[in-house]
Protein backbone atom coordinates (compact mmCIF):
# COMPACT_ATOMS: atom_id res chain seq x y z
CA MET A 1 34.80 177.83 -154.70
CA LEU A 2 36.50 176.73 -157.93
CA ASP A 3 33.27 175.40 -159.41
CA ASN A 4 32.66 177.26 -162.68
CA GLU A 5 28.92 177.57 -162.16
CA HIS A 6 29.41 179.00 -158.67
CA ILE A 7 31.91 181.61 -159.90
CA GLU A 8 29.63 182.52 -162.79
CA ALA A 9 26.69 182.91 -160.40
CA ILE A 10 28.70 185.27 -158.17
CA LEU A 11 29.75 187.43 -161.13
CA ARG A 12 26.23 187.50 -162.62
CA ASP A 13 24.78 188.48 -159.26
CA ASN A 14 27.23 191.37 -159.03
CA PHE A 15 26.25 192.66 -162.48
CA ALA A 16 22.56 192.33 -161.59
CA ARG A 17 22.92 194.24 -158.32
CA ASN A 18 24.77 197.08 -160.04
CA GLU A 19 22.57 197.59 -163.09
CA GLY A 20 24.89 195.93 -165.58
CA ALA A 21 28.18 197.21 -164.15
CA PHE A 22 30.63 195.13 -162.13
CA LYS A 23 31.45 196.56 -158.72
CA PRO A 24 34.52 194.84 -157.23
CA GLU A 25 35.23 194.38 -153.56
CA LYS A 26 38.24 196.13 -152.01
CA ARG A 27 41.38 194.00 -152.02
CA ALA A 28 43.04 192.87 -148.77
CA LEU A 29 46.67 193.83 -148.21
CA PHE A 30 49.20 191.33 -146.86
CA ASN A 31 52.89 191.89 -146.20
CA ILE A 32 54.92 189.06 -147.75
CA PRO A 33 58.58 188.47 -146.80
CA LYS A 34 61.20 188.89 -149.52
CA ASN A 35 64.83 187.87 -149.65
CA ASN A 36 67.08 189.72 -147.18
CA PHE A 37 64.06 190.00 -144.84
CA THR A 38 62.46 192.95 -146.61
CA LEU A 39 58.74 193.01 -147.48
CA ARG A 40 56.59 193.17 -150.57
CA TYR A 41 52.86 193.63 -150.69
CA GLY A 42 50.42 190.87 -151.51
CA LEU A 43 46.95 191.86 -152.72
CA GLU A 44 44.24 189.26 -152.27
CA ILE A 45 40.83 189.39 -153.94
CA SER A 46 38.10 186.78 -154.11
CA LEU A 47 38.45 183.73 -156.31
CA ALA A 48 35.60 184.91 -158.54
CA GLU A 49 37.26 188.29 -159.04
CA ARG A 50 40.61 186.61 -159.73
CA ALA A 51 38.84 184.65 -162.48
CA LEU A 52 37.40 187.88 -163.86
CA TYR A 53 40.81 189.61 -163.80
CA HIS A 54 42.35 186.74 -165.73
CA ALA A 55 39.46 186.70 -168.22
CA LEU A 56 39.64 190.44 -168.92
CA ALA A 57 43.39 190.29 -169.50
CA ALA A 58 43.10 187.10 -171.57
CA ARG A 59 40.82 188.94 -173.99
CA LEU A 60 43.66 191.39 -174.69
CA VAL A 61 46.51 188.90 -175.04
CA PRO A 62 45.95 187.68 -178.66
CA LEU A 63 45.82 191.23 -179.99
CA TYR A 64 48.49 192.96 -177.89
CA ASP A 65 51.09 190.20 -177.60
CA PRO A 66 52.20 190.55 -181.27
CA LEU A 67 53.19 194.16 -180.50
CA ILE A 68 55.71 193.09 -177.86
CA PRO A 69 59.28 192.76 -179.27
CA TRP A 70 60.77 189.31 -179.74
CA CYS A 71 63.48 190.09 -177.16
CA VAL A 72 60.91 190.08 -174.32
CA PHE A 73 60.45 186.51 -173.09
CA SER A 74 58.16 186.56 -170.05
CA HIS A 75 54.40 185.93 -170.27
CA ARG A 76 54.22 185.68 -174.02
CA ALA A 77 51.18 184.13 -175.67
CA ALA A 78 51.31 180.34 -175.93
CA GLU A 79 51.80 178.68 -179.29
CA LYS A 80 48.68 177.37 -181.03
CA SER A 81 49.80 173.83 -180.21
CA GLU A 82 49.43 174.74 -176.52
CA ASP A 83 46.02 176.37 -176.77
CA ARG A 84 44.88 175.04 -173.40
CA TYR A 85 47.30 177.58 -171.88
CA LEU A 86 47.31 181.35 -172.16
CA PHE A 87 51.08 181.85 -171.85
CA ARG A 88 54.22 179.94 -172.76
CA ARG A 89 55.70 177.69 -170.12
CA ALA A 90 57.94 179.62 -167.74
CA ILE A 91 61.00 177.35 -167.67
CA PRO A 92 61.46 177.09 -171.48
CA ALA A 93 60.84 180.84 -171.74
CA TRP A 94 63.58 181.52 -169.19
CA GLN A 95 65.92 179.11 -170.96
CA ASP A 96 65.25 180.92 -174.24
CA PHE A 97 65.98 184.23 -172.52
CA THR A 98 69.34 183.14 -171.12
CA GLY A 99 70.23 181.32 -174.34
CA VAL A 100 69.56 184.34 -176.55
CA VAL A 101 71.52 186.58 -174.16
CA ARG A 102 74.48 184.19 -174.41
CA ASP A 103 74.23 184.28 -178.20
CA GLY A 104 74.18 188.07 -178.07
CA LEU A 105 77.33 188.05 -175.98
CA THR A 106 79.36 186.08 -178.54
CA SER A 107 80.25 189.29 -180.38
CA ALA A 108 80.30 191.52 -177.28
CA GLY A 109 82.79 192.17 -174.53
CA PHE A 110 80.57 193.12 -171.59
CA LEU A 111 77.22 192.22 -170.06
CA LEU A 112 75.06 194.87 -168.44
CA SER A 113 72.76 193.08 -165.97
CA THR A 114 70.10 194.87 -163.95
CA ASP A 115 66.55 194.65 -162.69
CA LEU A 116 63.91 197.12 -161.55
CA THR A 117 63.07 198.38 -158.09
CA ASN A 118 59.51 197.63 -156.91
CA TYR A 119 58.42 196.79 -160.45
CA PHE A 120 54.72 196.06 -159.94
CA GLU A 121 54.30 198.58 -157.13
CA ASN A 122 55.43 201.47 -159.35
CA ILE A 123 53.27 200.72 -162.40
CA ASP A 124 51.10 203.80 -162.91
CA LEU A 125 47.52 202.85 -163.84
CA LYS A 126 46.86 206.04 -165.79
CA LYS A 127 49.97 205.53 -167.94
CA LEU A 128 49.13 201.85 -168.41
CA HIS A 129 45.61 202.75 -169.56
CA GLU A 130 46.94 205.41 -171.94
CA THR A 131 49.42 202.92 -173.41
CA LEU A 132 46.72 200.33 -174.10
CA ILE A 133 44.53 202.96 -175.81
CA ASP A 134 47.43 204.46 -177.78
CA LEU A 135 48.27 201.02 -179.15
CA LEU A 136 44.76 200.42 -180.55
CA PRO A 137 45.70 201.66 -184.07
CA GLU A 138 48.43 198.98 -184.18
CA LEU A 139 46.09 196.06 -183.42
CA HIS A 140 45.52 193.74 -186.37
CA THR A 141 41.72 193.73 -186.25
CA ASP A 142 38.74 195.72 -187.49
CA SER A 143 37.10 198.76 -185.93
CA GLY A 144 34.25 196.73 -184.47
CA GLU A 145 36.63 194.52 -182.56
CA LYS A 146 38.58 197.57 -181.38
CA ALA A 147 35.36 199.03 -179.99
CA VAL A 148 34.82 195.81 -178.03
CA ILE A 149 38.41 195.93 -176.75
CA ARG A 150 37.81 199.49 -175.51
CA THR A 151 34.94 198.23 -173.36
CA TYR A 152 37.11 195.44 -171.94
CA ILE A 153 39.84 197.95 -171.10
CA ALA A 154 37.34 200.28 -169.43
CA SER A 155 35.93 197.43 -167.32
CA LEU A 156 39.42 196.23 -166.41
CA PHE A 157 40.56 199.61 -165.14
CA GLU A 158 37.40 200.22 -163.15
CA CYS A 159 38.18 196.98 -161.34
CA LEU A 160 41.89 197.74 -160.96
CA LYS A 161 41.02 200.80 -158.89
CA SER A 162 39.87 198.38 -156.19
CA TRP A 163 42.28 195.51 -156.88
CA CYS A 164 45.56 197.45 -156.98
CA TYR A 165 47.75 198.77 -154.16
CA SER A 166 46.10 202.17 -154.61
CA GLU A 167 43.66 203.71 -157.07
CA HIS A 168 46.63 205.06 -159.00
CA ALA A 169 49.39 202.44 -158.96
CA GLY A 170 50.53 198.97 -157.95
CA LEU A 171 49.33 195.91 -159.86
CA PRO A 172 48.58 192.73 -157.87
CA GLN A 173 51.69 190.54 -157.81
CA ASN A 174 51.98 186.84 -158.66
CA ARG A 175 49.17 187.07 -161.20
CA ASP A 176 49.73 186.15 -164.84
CA ALA A 177 47.37 188.94 -165.87
CA SER A 178 49.52 191.49 -164.01
CA SER A 179 52.70 190.22 -165.63
CA PHE A 180 51.18 190.58 -169.09
CA LEU A 181 49.95 194.11 -168.35
CA ALA A 182 53.42 194.94 -167.03
CA ASN A 183 54.83 193.89 -170.42
CA ILE A 184 52.52 196.43 -172.06
CA TYR A 185 53.62 199.06 -169.56
CA MET A 186 57.28 198.39 -170.42
CA LEU A 187 56.67 198.46 -174.18
CA PRO A 188 57.77 202.12 -174.67
CA VAL A 189 61.01 201.33 -172.80
CA ASP A 190 61.61 198.15 -174.81
CA ARG A 191 61.05 199.94 -178.11
CA ALA A 192 63.22 202.93 -177.17
CA MET A 193 66.19 200.75 -176.20
CA ILE A 194 65.87 198.69 -179.41
CA ASP A 195 65.58 201.86 -181.53
CA LYS A 196 68.81 203.15 -179.96
CA GLY A 197 70.54 200.06 -181.33
CA TYR A 198 71.19 198.22 -178.08
CA ARG A 199 71.24 194.41 -177.91
CA TYR A 200 68.54 194.44 -175.29
CA PHE A 201 66.74 191.48 -173.68
CA ARG A 202 64.11 191.36 -170.91
CA TYR A 203 62.36 188.78 -168.76
CA MET A 204 59.81 190.56 -166.52
CA ASP A 205 61.92 193.08 -164.57
CA ASP A 206 65.23 191.35 -165.36
CA ILE A 207 67.11 193.23 -168.09
CA LYS A 208 70.31 192.23 -169.90
CA ILE A 209 72.19 194.27 -172.53
CA ALA A 210 75.17 192.96 -174.50
CA CYS A 211 77.76 195.70 -175.02
CA ASP A 212 81.05 196.07 -176.90
CA SER A 213 82.84 198.00 -174.17
CA GLU A 214 82.46 199.10 -170.56
CA HIS A 215 81.77 202.65 -171.72
CA GLN A 216 78.98 201.46 -174.02
CA ALA A 217 77.51 199.54 -171.07
CA ARG A 218 77.54 202.72 -168.99
CA GLN A 219 75.86 204.62 -171.81
CA ALA A 220 73.24 201.88 -172.10
CA LEU A 221 72.58 202.06 -168.37
CA LYS A 222 72.14 205.83 -168.59
CA ALA A 223 69.76 205.50 -171.56
CA LEU A 224 67.78 202.78 -169.80
CA SER A 225 67.52 204.83 -166.60
CA LEU A 226 66.18 207.84 -168.50
CA GLU A 227 63.59 205.78 -170.37
CA LEU A 228 62.48 204.10 -167.15
CA ARG A 229 62.15 207.46 -165.43
CA LYS A 230 59.50 208.43 -167.98
CA ARG A 231 57.45 205.46 -166.72
CA GLY A 232 58.07 206.15 -163.03
CA LEU A 233 60.44 203.18 -162.79
CA ALA A 234 64.09 202.83 -161.77
CA VAL A 235 66.88 200.26 -161.87
CA ASN A 236 67.88 198.49 -158.69
CA SER A 237 71.41 199.80 -158.11
CA GLY A 238 72.20 196.93 -155.74
CA LYS A 239 71.55 194.41 -158.52
CA THR A 240 73.19 196.32 -161.36
CA GLU A 241 76.47 194.97 -162.72
CA ILE A 242 78.71 195.53 -165.72
CA VAL A 243 80.63 192.28 -166.17
CA PRO A 244 83.41 191.55 -168.69
CA LEU A 245 82.89 188.30 -170.56
CA THR A 246 86.25 187.07 -169.34
CA GLN A 247 84.66 186.63 -165.90
CA THR A 248 82.70 183.57 -166.95
CA ALA A 249 81.56 182.65 -163.43
CA GLU A 250 80.12 186.12 -162.87
CA VAL A 251 78.37 186.06 -166.25
CA SER A 252 76.79 182.71 -165.40
CA LYS A 253 75.69 184.09 -162.03
CA CYS A 254 74.06 187.10 -163.71
CA LEU A 255 72.22 184.79 -166.09
CA ASP A 256 71.15 182.51 -163.24
CA VAL A 257 71.70 179.49 -165.46
CA GLY A 258 71.74 177.18 -162.45
CA GLU A 259 73.97 174.32 -161.46
CA ALA A 260 75.37 171.90 -164.03
CA GLU A 261 73.49 169.14 -162.21
CA LEU A 262 70.26 171.08 -162.70
CA GLN A 263 70.73 171.12 -166.46
CA GLN A 264 71.46 167.39 -166.37
CA ILE A 265 68.38 166.64 -164.25
CA ASP A 266 66.12 168.72 -166.47
CA SER A 267 67.40 167.01 -169.62
CA ILE A 268 66.66 163.61 -168.06
CA TRP A 269 63.15 164.61 -167.01
CA GLN A 270 62.32 165.97 -170.44
CA THR A 271 62.74 162.44 -171.83
CA ARG A 272 59.57 161.47 -169.89
CA SER A 273 61.08 158.02 -169.48
CA LEU A 274 60.32 156.59 -166.02
CA ARG A 275 63.50 154.52 -166.02
CA SER A 276 65.68 157.50 -166.97
CA ILE A 277 63.98 159.82 -164.49
CA SER A 278 64.55 157.29 -161.70
CA ARG A 279 68.28 157.54 -162.33
CA SER A 280 68.14 161.28 -161.61
CA PHE A 281 66.85 160.83 -158.04
CA PRO A 282 70.28 160.82 -156.31
CA LEU A 283 71.34 163.92 -158.26
CA LEU A 284 68.13 165.73 -157.29
CA ARG A 285 68.46 164.81 -153.60
CA ASP A 286 72.13 165.85 -153.40
CA LEU A 287 71.59 169.13 -155.25
CA SER A 288 68.61 170.01 -153.02
CA GLN A 289 70.65 169.43 -149.86
CA ARG A 290 73.59 171.44 -151.18
CA LEU A 291 71.35 174.41 -152.06
CA LEU A 292 69.67 174.27 -148.63
CA ARG A 293 72.98 174.11 -146.76
CA GLY A 294 74.43 176.87 -148.93
CA GLY A 295 71.54 179.23 -148.23
CA GLU A 296 70.49 179.34 -151.91
CA VAL A 297 66.84 178.86 -151.05
CA GLY A 298 65.75 181.87 -153.10
CA SER A 299 67.37 180.66 -156.32
CA ARG A 300 65.59 179.36 -159.41
CA ALA A 301 67.56 176.14 -159.02
CA PHE A 302 66.08 175.55 -155.58
CA ARG A 303 62.52 176.27 -156.73
CA TYR A 304 63.05 173.78 -159.53
CA CYS A 305 64.32 171.12 -157.11
CA ILE A 306 61.59 171.63 -154.54
CA ARG A 307 58.85 171.19 -157.14
CA ARG A 308 60.48 168.09 -158.49
CA LEU A 309 60.64 166.65 -154.97
CA GLU A 310 57.01 167.57 -154.39
CA ALA A 311 56.12 165.86 -157.65
CA LEU A 312 58.00 162.67 -156.74
CA ALA A 313 56.05 162.44 -153.47
CA SER A 314 52.74 162.86 -155.33
CA CYS A 315 53.36 160.65 -158.35
CA PRO A 316 52.09 157.05 -158.01
CA GLU A 317 54.32 155.97 -160.90
CA PHE A 318 57.33 156.35 -158.59
CA GLU A 319 57.26 154.48 -155.28
CA VAL A 320 59.82 156.73 -153.63
CA PRO A 321 60.64 155.45 -150.10
CA ASP A 322 60.30 157.71 -147.06
CA ALA A 323 64.05 157.42 -146.46
CA TYR A 324 64.72 159.36 -149.68
CA PHE A 325 63.19 162.55 -148.22
CA ALA A 326 64.47 162.05 -144.65
CA PRO A 327 67.76 163.99 -144.99
CA ILE A 328 66.08 166.87 -146.85
CA THR A 329 63.09 167.52 -144.57
CA PRO A 330 64.99 168.80 -141.47
CA LEU A 331 66.89 171.24 -143.68
CA VAL A 332 63.59 172.47 -145.16
CA ILE A 333 62.17 173.07 -141.67
CA ASP A 334 65.34 174.95 -140.68
CA ALA A 335 64.87 177.15 -143.77
CA LEU A 336 61.41 178.26 -142.61
CA SER A 337 63.11 180.46 -140.02
CA THR A 338 66.20 181.48 -141.99
CA HIS A 339 64.47 182.01 -145.36
CA PRO A 340 60.84 183.04 -144.72
CA ALA A 341 60.54 184.39 -148.28
CA ALA A 342 60.59 180.78 -149.52
CA THR A 343 57.72 179.67 -147.26
CA ASP A 344 55.35 178.90 -150.15
CA GLU A 345 57.79 176.42 -151.72
CA LEU A 346 58.88 174.97 -148.37
CA ALA A 347 55.29 174.42 -147.21
CA ARG A 348 54.35 172.74 -150.50
CA TYR A 349 57.25 170.34 -150.05
CA LEU A 350 56.32 169.54 -146.45
CA ARG A 351 52.70 168.93 -147.37
CA ALA A 352 53.62 166.44 -150.09
CA VAL A 353 56.39 164.39 -148.47
CA PRO A 354 56.20 161.98 -145.51
CA THR A 355 56.78 163.77 -142.18
CA THR A 356 57.16 162.65 -138.58
CA ASN A 357 55.48 164.06 -135.49
CA HIS A 358 58.85 165.50 -134.56
CA ASP A 359 59.02 167.35 -137.88
CA LEU A 360 55.55 168.86 -137.43
CA ASP A 361 56.20 169.68 -133.78
CA ARG A 362 59.11 171.83 -134.93
CA VAL A 363 56.73 173.71 -137.22
CA ALA A 364 54.29 174.15 -134.31
CA GLN A 365 57.08 175.49 -132.12
CA LEU A 366 57.93 178.10 -134.75
CA LEU A 367 54.30 179.21 -134.87
CA GLN A 368 54.21 179.69 -131.09
CA ASP A 369 57.55 181.51 -130.88
CA ASP A 370 56.74 185.23 -130.77
CA GLY A 371 60.38 186.02 -131.41
CA ARG A 372 60.43 184.26 -134.79
CA ASN A 373 56.89 184.16 -136.19
CA TYR A 374 56.34 187.81 -137.10
CA TYR A 375 55.48 187.20 -140.79
CA THR A 376 51.72 186.83 -140.95
CA TRP A 377 51.67 185.23 -144.42
CA GLN A 378 54.18 182.62 -143.29
CA ASN A 379 52.03 181.90 -140.24
CA TYR A 380 49.00 181.31 -142.45
CA ARG A 381 50.87 178.81 -144.62
CA LEU A 382 52.18 176.96 -141.56
CA TRP A 383 48.80 176.77 -139.81
CA ALA A 384 47.29 175.46 -143.04
CA LEU A 385 50.13 172.96 -143.36
CA LEU A 386 49.41 171.51 -139.91
CA VAL A 387 45.75 171.11 -140.85
CA GLN A 388 46.73 169.45 -144.11
CA LYS A 389 49.02 167.04 -142.23
CA ASP A 390 46.30 166.29 -139.62
CA PHE A 391 48.61 167.38 -136.77
CA ASN A 392 46.29 167.69 -133.76
CA GLN A 393 47.66 169.04 -130.45
CA SER A 394 45.35 170.26 -127.68
CA GLU A 395 47.81 172.95 -126.53
CA LEU A 396 48.09 174.19 -130.11
CA VAL A 397 44.29 174.45 -130.32
CA THR A 398 44.37 176.61 -127.20
CA TYR A 399 47.04 178.81 -128.74
CA ALA A 400 45.08 179.04 -132.01
CA MET A 401 41.99 180.25 -130.14
CA SER A 402 44.05 182.91 -128.38
CA VAL A 403 45.08 184.17 -131.81
CA VAL A 404 41.42 184.22 -132.91
CA GLN A 405 40.52 186.21 -129.82
CA ASP A 406 43.40 188.69 -129.88
CA GLN A 407 44.44 189.23 -133.51
CA PRO A 408 42.71 191.46 -136.08
CA ASP A 409 41.58 190.26 -139.50
CA CYS A 410 44.98 189.14 -140.83
CA ALA A 411 46.67 186.11 -142.39
CA THR A 412 47.82 184.79 -139.00
CA ARG A 413 44.26 184.78 -137.70
CA CYS A 414 43.03 183.10 -140.90
CA GLY A 415 45.41 180.20 -140.37
CA ALA A 416 44.67 179.88 -136.66
CA THR A 417 40.94 179.93 -137.45
CA LEU A 418 41.35 176.99 -139.83
CA TYR A 419 43.31 175.04 -137.23
CA ALA A 420 40.85 175.72 -134.41
CA GLY A 421 37.94 174.78 -136.66
CA ALA A 422 39.57 171.53 -137.72
CA PHE A 423 40.70 170.34 -134.27
CA GLY A 424 38.87 172.46 -131.70
CA SER A 425 35.65 171.81 -129.84
CA LYS A 426 32.12 172.83 -130.73
CA LYS A 427 32.51 175.66 -128.22
CA ASP A 428 35.57 176.90 -130.14
CA ARG A 429 33.63 176.88 -133.42
CA GLU A 430 30.75 178.72 -131.79
CA GLU A 431 33.16 181.43 -130.63
CA ILE A 432 34.58 181.73 -134.15
CA ALA A 433 31.02 182.24 -135.42
CA GLN A 434 30.33 184.84 -132.74
CA ARG A 435 33.44 186.77 -133.79
CA PHE A 436 32.62 186.58 -137.51
CA GLY A 437 31.64 190.26 -137.51
CA ASP A 438 35.30 191.19 -136.90
CA LEU A 439 36.18 189.90 -140.38
CA GLU A 440 35.88 191.88 -143.61
CA SER A 441 38.39 190.31 -146.00
CA PHE A 442 37.53 187.48 -148.37
CA MET A 443 40.35 185.40 -146.92
CA GLY A 444 39.27 185.99 -143.32
CA GLN A 445 35.61 185.19 -143.90
CA ARG A 446 36.43 182.17 -146.08
CA ALA A 447 38.64 180.68 -143.34
CA ALA A 448 35.91 181.24 -140.76
CA LEU A 449 33.25 179.61 -142.94
CA LEU A 450 35.46 176.55 -143.29
CA ALA A 451 36.04 176.48 -139.55
CA ILE A 452 32.33 176.61 -138.60
CA GLN A 453 31.03 174.32 -141.34
CA GLU A 454 29.91 171.70 -138.79
CA LEU A 455 27.65 174.14 -136.90
CA HIS A 456 23.94 174.13 -137.66
CA TYR A 457 22.53 177.15 -139.46
CA ALA A 458 20.37 178.16 -136.50
CA PRO A 459 21.21 179.92 -134.32
CA TYR A 460 24.90 180.69 -134.94
CA ILE A 461 25.12 181.08 -138.72
CA ARG A 462 21.81 182.91 -139.05
CA LYS A 463 22.52 185.26 -136.16
CA HIS A 464 26.26 185.98 -136.36
CA VAL A 465 27.36 185.13 -139.90
CA GLN A 466 24.58 185.81 -142.40
CA PRO A 467 24.21 189.56 -141.65
CA LYS A 468 27.97 190.15 -142.08
CA LEU A 469 28.65 187.84 -145.04
CA ARG A 470 30.31 189.28 -148.13
CA ASN A 471 28.33 189.08 -151.36
CA ASP A 472 31.05 186.98 -153.01
CA LEU A 473 30.72 184.32 -150.29
CA LYS A 474 26.96 183.97 -150.20
CA ASN A 475 25.64 180.41 -150.56
CA VAL A 476 29.08 178.95 -149.83
CA TYR A 477 28.09 177.65 -146.37
CA ARG A 478 25.16 175.63 -147.68
CA SER A 479 27.46 173.82 -150.13
CA PHE A 480 29.59 172.30 -147.34
CA ASN A 481 28.97 168.65 -146.53
CA ARG A 482 29.32 169.19 -142.75
CA GLN A 483 31.57 166.17 -142.48
CA GLY A 484 34.58 168.06 -141.20
CA VAL A 485 36.58 168.07 -144.43
CA TYR A 486 38.78 171.16 -144.16
CA VAL A 487 41.40 170.52 -146.83
CA ALA A 488 41.49 168.42 -149.96
CA PRO A 489 44.17 165.72 -150.02
CA PRO A 490 47.08 166.20 -152.45
CA LEU A 491 46.07 164.90 -155.85
CA PRO A 492 48.21 162.20 -157.45
CA VAL A 493 49.75 163.40 -160.70
CA SER A 494 51.16 161.60 -163.71
CA ILE A 495 54.55 162.27 -165.22
CA THR A 496 52.85 164.50 -167.81
CA GLY A 497 51.19 166.44 -165.02
CA ILE A 498 54.51 166.84 -163.25
CA LEU A 499 56.11 168.42 -166.29
CA ASP A 500 53.10 170.69 -166.78
CA THR A 501 53.62 172.10 -163.26
CA GLU A 502 56.60 173.95 -164.70
CA ARG A 503 54.10 176.54 -165.93
CA ALA A 504 53.78 177.87 -162.40
CA SER A 505 57.56 178.11 -161.84
């Protein structure tokens, strides 16, 4: 599905079917756990349409990024020396953000720290479109190029009607393109706060303002709230604080600068010296365990540690023994139940590191516990993890088929479908094919196609699958090798590759 020619063929076919216009499929909605056991939406579209979304936004970045104030640090255009990437690396950008805020506080007495409520969900598409058009006179290019940009914007917003939470609002989350568009949406707020003279800094929806007094901080909060209201946005009162600089621990907490050990580990890794990095292993292991035991699984420090651990398990340059991960893995499995919002990071760790049958059996028990496994996205990641780890249990196959039979088109069923296809019988795969008509989402149909890849085209695929197949999944079945390969093995990465993974942090 990630083959460039295949994606191009899908997009070209769509344009051809619709007389030169692109007609997107409707996105699928998933409920994703957040910290404190609340929910956020997840909007899934096909891989080809994700590529198109990124491409349309990427066309705007070089022209619109220069309009964004210097004090906004998230999803800024990459330097020319990093032209293989669209945006700056996330970790250095965050470090610049916190560093500049600290510099701004040297002549201030108070820090106003806040973030926004339901940031992406409340972005109004009409206002976003108007902002992009209103900014056209400020773009440093000629009229011909501006005319081309207008067509890109028009195409983008026709697609966003189908890709967003609704036709009117709610950008897809966890997409670089969405984060860049959100910067454009916030531009009137950024400019207004700067024009009012505030020492204002922003990283996505995280806003810091350095103030001379508590009263000035209150005034800044009022001004910010009024500017946000014009955009249909609001501050999160539960995460809004006015902190005197004398409370150094609270200031550091607001800036989320991380543990001292984290700064030490990162400095060592940036040397790219294998010998030096090896000396950081005990620090990394101890910090990871302390964060897990302290319940700080949602912190930036923990995400940093978990990706470093994943990298160590995947890097052939370091022959890290199984015993190194042994004390961390049980804590990670415990966190699946206590911190479901961190499932993506936890599952990536478990896939990469050595695990025992006992470890994976604990994951299987969580999946089969109706009292604990009510997050469908988490269930999908855990089913996929068990396939990736080749954990085959006959009773779990039976349970997976019951999910296929009883659940609607949802993330839980997608994961169970993958598991039943990988480890079930031919009869199980035939039943998955027979029930293909229940599935409408890209994710649901894609999982089913993977599960039934070993069936012959006639009669099951031709009869039950072909008539119901989405246009963006046509010709996928014929590309399978029918050798029962359901997941690709983790790819080994070099030390350079490990450091480049910071872009996704």
